Amino acid sequence: MSDASRVPPASPPDLPRPADVPAAFAPIYVPFGLHPRAAVLDALRRALVVAEGHPEGTRFVFEMHLGPR
């Protein structure tokens, strides 16, 4: 069993989006303290799910916001 399969998903369940947000927009929320590798793997998994539904013109944008140290 790989380490990634033992890590719970980093993102909460999908929430309803406002009408002005494109359906292909999939924000990734990472709880503080979660291992960065698990967060990246979860973000990639969710991005691929979005890309399957919108194969034409799908772009991926990853942002990392670090809290105070």
N, C-alpha and C. Protein backbone atom coordinates (compact mmCIF):
# COMPACT_ATOMS: atom_id res chain seq x y z
N MET A 1 0.85 -1.19 0.00
CA MET A 1 0.00 0.00 0.00
C MET A 1 0.89 1.24 0.00
N SER A 2 0.64 2.14 -0.90
CA SER A 2 1.46 3.35 -0.98
C SER A 2 1.05 4.35 0.09
N ASP A 3 1.97 5.28 0.38
CA ASP A 3 1.68 6.32 1.37
C ASP A 3 0.49 7.17 0.95
N ALA A 4 0.38 7.44 -0.35
CA ALA A 4 -0.69 8.32 -0.84
C ALA A 4 -2.07 7.71 -0.60
N SER A 5 -2.19 6.39 -0.66
CA SER A 5 -3.50 5.77 -0.48
C SER A 5 -3.96 5.81 0.97
N ARG A 6 -3.04 6.05 1.90
CA ARG A 6 -3.41 6.11 3.32
C ARG A 6 -3.73 7.52 3.78
N VAL A 7 -3.50 8.50 2.92
CA VAL A 7 -3.72 9.89 3.28
C VAL A 7 -5.14 10.29 2.87
N PRO A 8 -5.92 10.85 3.79
CA PRO A 8 -7.27 11.27 3.41
C PRO A 8 -7.23 12.44 2.43
N PRO A 9 -8.27 12.63 1.63
CA PRO A 9 -8.28 13.76 0.69
C PRO A 9 -8.09 15.08 1.43
N ALA A 10 -7.33 15.97 0.80
CA ALA A 10 -7.02 17.25 1.44
C ALA A 10 -8.16 18.25 1.31
N SER A 11 -8.98 18.08 0.31
CA SER A 11 -10.00 19.08 0.02
C SER A 11 -11.35 18.67 0.59
N PRO A 12 -12.13 19.65 1.02
CA PRO A 12 -13.48 19.33 1.49
C PRO A 12 -14.36 18.95 0.30
N PRO A 13 -15.52 18.39 0.54
CA PRO A 13 -16.42 18.09 -0.58
C PRO A 13 -16.74 19.36 -1.37
N ASP A 14 -17.02 19.16 -2.64
CA ASP A 14 -17.35 20.32 -3.49
C ASP A 14 -18.57 21.04 -2.93
N LEU A 15 -18.48 22.36 -2.92
CA LEU A 15 -19.56 23.20 -2.43
C LEU A 15 -20.23 23.88 -3.62
N PRO A 16 -21.48 24.30 -3.47
CA PRO A 16 -22.13 25.03 -4.57
C PRO A 16 -21.32 26.28 -4.92
N ARG A 17 -21.23 26.56 -6.21
CA ARG A 17 -20.46 27.72 -6.67
C ARG A 17 -21.41 28.86 -7.02
N PRO A 18 -20.96 30.10 -6.85
CA PRO A 18 -21.77 31.24 -7.32
C PRO A 18 -21.95 31.15 -8.83
N ALA A 19 -23.00 31.77 -9.34
CA ALA A 19 -23.32 31.69 -10.77
C ALA A 19 -22.23 32.27 -11.66
N ASP A 20 -21.42 33.23 -11.15
CA ASP A 20 -20.42 33.86 -12.01
C ASP A 20 -19.09 33.12 -12.03
N VAL A 21 -18.99 31.99 -11.35
CA VAL A 21 -17.75 31.22 -11.34
C VAL A 21 -17.88 30.09 -12.35
N PRO A 22 -16.91 29.96 -13.28
CA PRO A 22 -17.00 28.89 -14.28
C PRO A 22 -17.07 27.52 -13.62
N ALA A 23 -17.80 26.61 -14.22
CA ALA A 23 -17.95 25.26 -13.67
C ALA A 23 -16.61 24.53 -13.60
N ALA A 24 -15.67 24.89 -14.48
CA ALA A 24 -14.39 24.20 -14.51
C ALA A 24 -13.46 24.66 -13.40
N PHE A 25 -13.85 25.71 -12.67
CA PHE A 25 -13.01 26.21 -11.59
C PHE A 25 -13.15 25.29 -10.39
N ALA A 26 -12.06 24.73 -9.94
CA ALA A 26 -12.10 23.79 -8.81
C ALA A 26 -11.06 24.20 -7.78
N PRO A 27 -11.47 25.03 -6.82
CA PRO A 27 -10.49 25.44 -5.80
C PRO A 27 -10.07 24.26 -4.94
N ILE A 28 -8.84 24.27 -4.51
CA ILE A 28 -8.30 23.22 -3.66
C ILE A 28 -7.97 23.84 -2.31
N TYR A 29 -8.58 23.33 -1.27
CA TYR A 29 -8.33 23.82 0.08
C TYR A 29 -7.51 22.78 0.83
N VAL A 30 -6.41 23.22 1.40
CA VAL A 30 -5.51 22.31 2.11
C VAL A 30 -5.46 22.71 3.57
N PRO A 31 -5.89 21.83 4.46
CA PRO A 31 -5.83 22.16 5.88
C PRO A 31 -4.39 22.38 6.33
N PHE A 32 -4.20 23.32 7.22
CA PHE A 32 -2.86 23.60 7.75
C PHE A 32 -2.31 22.35 8.41
N GLY A 33 -1.06 22.05 8.14
CA GLY A 33 -0.41 20.91 8.76
C GLY A 33 -0.45 19.64 7.92
N LEU A 34 -1.21 19.63 6.83
CA LEU A 34 -1.25 18.46 5.97
C LEU A 34 0.06 18.36 5.21
N HIS A 35 0.54 17.16 5.02
CA HIS A 35 1.81 16.96 4.31
C HIS A 35 1.70 17.53 2.89
N PRO A 36 2.68 18.34 2.46
CA PRO A 36 2.59 18.98 1.13
C PRO A 36 2.43 17.98 -0.01
N ARG A 37 3.09 16.83 0.07
CA ARG A 37 2.96 15.85 -1.01
C ARG A 37 1.51 15.37 -1.13
N ALA A 38 0.86 15.13 -0.02
CA ALA A 38 -0.53 14.70 -0.05
C ALA A 38 -1.42 15.79 -0.65
N ALA A 39 -1.13 17.03 -0.32
CA ALA A 39 -1.92 18.14 -0.85
C ALA A 39 -1.77 18.25 -2.36
N VAL A 40 -0.55 18.10 -2.86
CA VAL A 40 -0.30 18.19 -4.31
C VAL A 40 -0.98 17.04 -5.03
N LEU A 41 -0.88 15.83 -4.49
CA LEU A 41 -1.52 14.68 -5.13
C LEU A 41 -3.04 14.85 -5.18
N ASP A 42 -3.61 15.37 -4.12
CA ASP A 42 -5.06 15.59 -4.10
C ASP A 42 -5.45 16.67 -5.10
N ALA A 43 -4.64 17.73 -5.19
CA ALA A 43 -4.92 18.80 -6.15
C ALA A 43 -4.86 18.28 -7.58
N LEU A 44 -3.87 17.45 -7.88
CA LEU A 44 -3.76 16.88 -9.23
C LEU A 44 -4.95 15.96 -9.54
N ARG A 45 -5.35 15.16 -8.57
CA ARG A 45 -6.48 14.25 -8.77
C ARG A 45 -7.74 15.05 -9.10
N ARG A 46 -8.01 16.10 -8.33
CA ARG A 46 -9.20 16.92 -8.57
C ARG A 46 -9.11 17.66 -9.91
N ALA A 47 -7.92 18.14 -10.27
CA ALA A 47 -7.75 18.84 -11.54
C ALA A 47 -8.02 17.90 -12.72
N LEU A 48 -7.59 16.65 -12.61
CA LEU A 48 -7.84 15.69 -13.69
C LEU A 48 -9.32 15.37 -13.81
N VAL A 49 -10.02 15.31 -12.71
CA VAL A 49 -11.47 15.08 -12.77
C VAL A 49 -12.15 16.24 -13.49
N VAL A 50 -11.74 17.46 -13.20
CA VAL A 50 -12.30 18.63 -13.88
C VAL A 50 -11.96 18.58 -15.36
N ALA A 51 -10.72 18.21 -15.70
CA ALA A 51 -10.29 18.17 -17.10
C ALA A 51 -11.08 17.14 -17.90
N GLU A 52 -11.47 16.05 -17.28
CA GLU A 52 -12.26 15.04 -17.99
C GLU A 52 -13.61 15.61 -18.44
N GLY A 53 -14.17 16.48 -17.64
CA GLY A 53 -15.46 17.08 -17.99
C GLY A 53 -15.35 18.25 -18.94
N HIS A 54 -14.17 18.84 -19.03
CA HIS A 54 -13.94 20.02 -19.88
C HIS A 54 -12.62 19.86 -20.62
N PRO A 55 -12.51 18.87 -21.53
CA PRO A 55 -11.22 18.60 -22.16
C PRO A 55 -10.71 19.72 -23.06
N GLU A 56 -11.61 20.50 -23.63
CA GLU A 56 -11.17 21.57 -24.52
C GLU A 56 -10.80 22.80 -23.72
N GLY A 57 -9.58 23.24 -23.89
CA GLY A 57 -9.14 24.48 -23.26
C GLY A 57 -8.97 24.42 -21.75
N THR A 58 -8.76 23.24 -21.20
CA THR A 58 -8.56 23.15 -19.75
C THR A 58 -7.16 23.63 -19.40
N ARG A 59 -7.09 24.52 -18.42
CA ARG A 59 -5.80 25.00 -17.93
C ARG A 59 -5.71 24.73 -16.44
N PHE A 60 -4.51 24.47 -15.98
CA PHE A 60 -4.29 24.22 -14.56
C PHE A 60 -3.49 25.37 -13.98
N VAL A 61 -3.96 25.91 -12.88
CA VAL A 61 -3.24 26.97 -12.18
C VAL A 61 -3.10 26.53 -10.72
N PHE A 62 -1.86 26.44 -10.27
CA PHE A 62 -1.62 26.06 -8.89
C PHE A 62 -1.05 27.25 -8.15
N GLU A 63 -1.64 27.54 -7.01
CA GLU A 63 -1.14 28.61 -6.14
C GLU A 63 -0.91 28.03 -4.76
N MET A 64 0.14 28.47 -4.13
CA MET A 64 0.40 28.04 -2.76
C MET A 64 0.46 29.27 -1.88
N HIS A 65 -0.37 29.30 -0.87
CA HIS A 65 -0.39 30.41 0.07
C HIS A 65 0.08 29.90 1.42
N LEU A 66 1.19 30.41 1.86
CA LEU A 66 1.75 29.98 3.14
C LEU A 66 1.31 30.93 4.24
N GLY A 67 0.95 30.38 5.36
CA GLY A 67 0.55 31.19 6.50
C GLY A 67 1.76 31.78 7.20
N PRO A 68 1.53 32.53 8.25
CA PRO A 68 2.64 33.14 9.00
C PRO A 68 3.54 32.07 9.60
N ARG A 69 4.80 32.38 9.65
CA ARG A 69 5.76 31.43 10.22
C ARG A 69 6.04 31.74 11.65
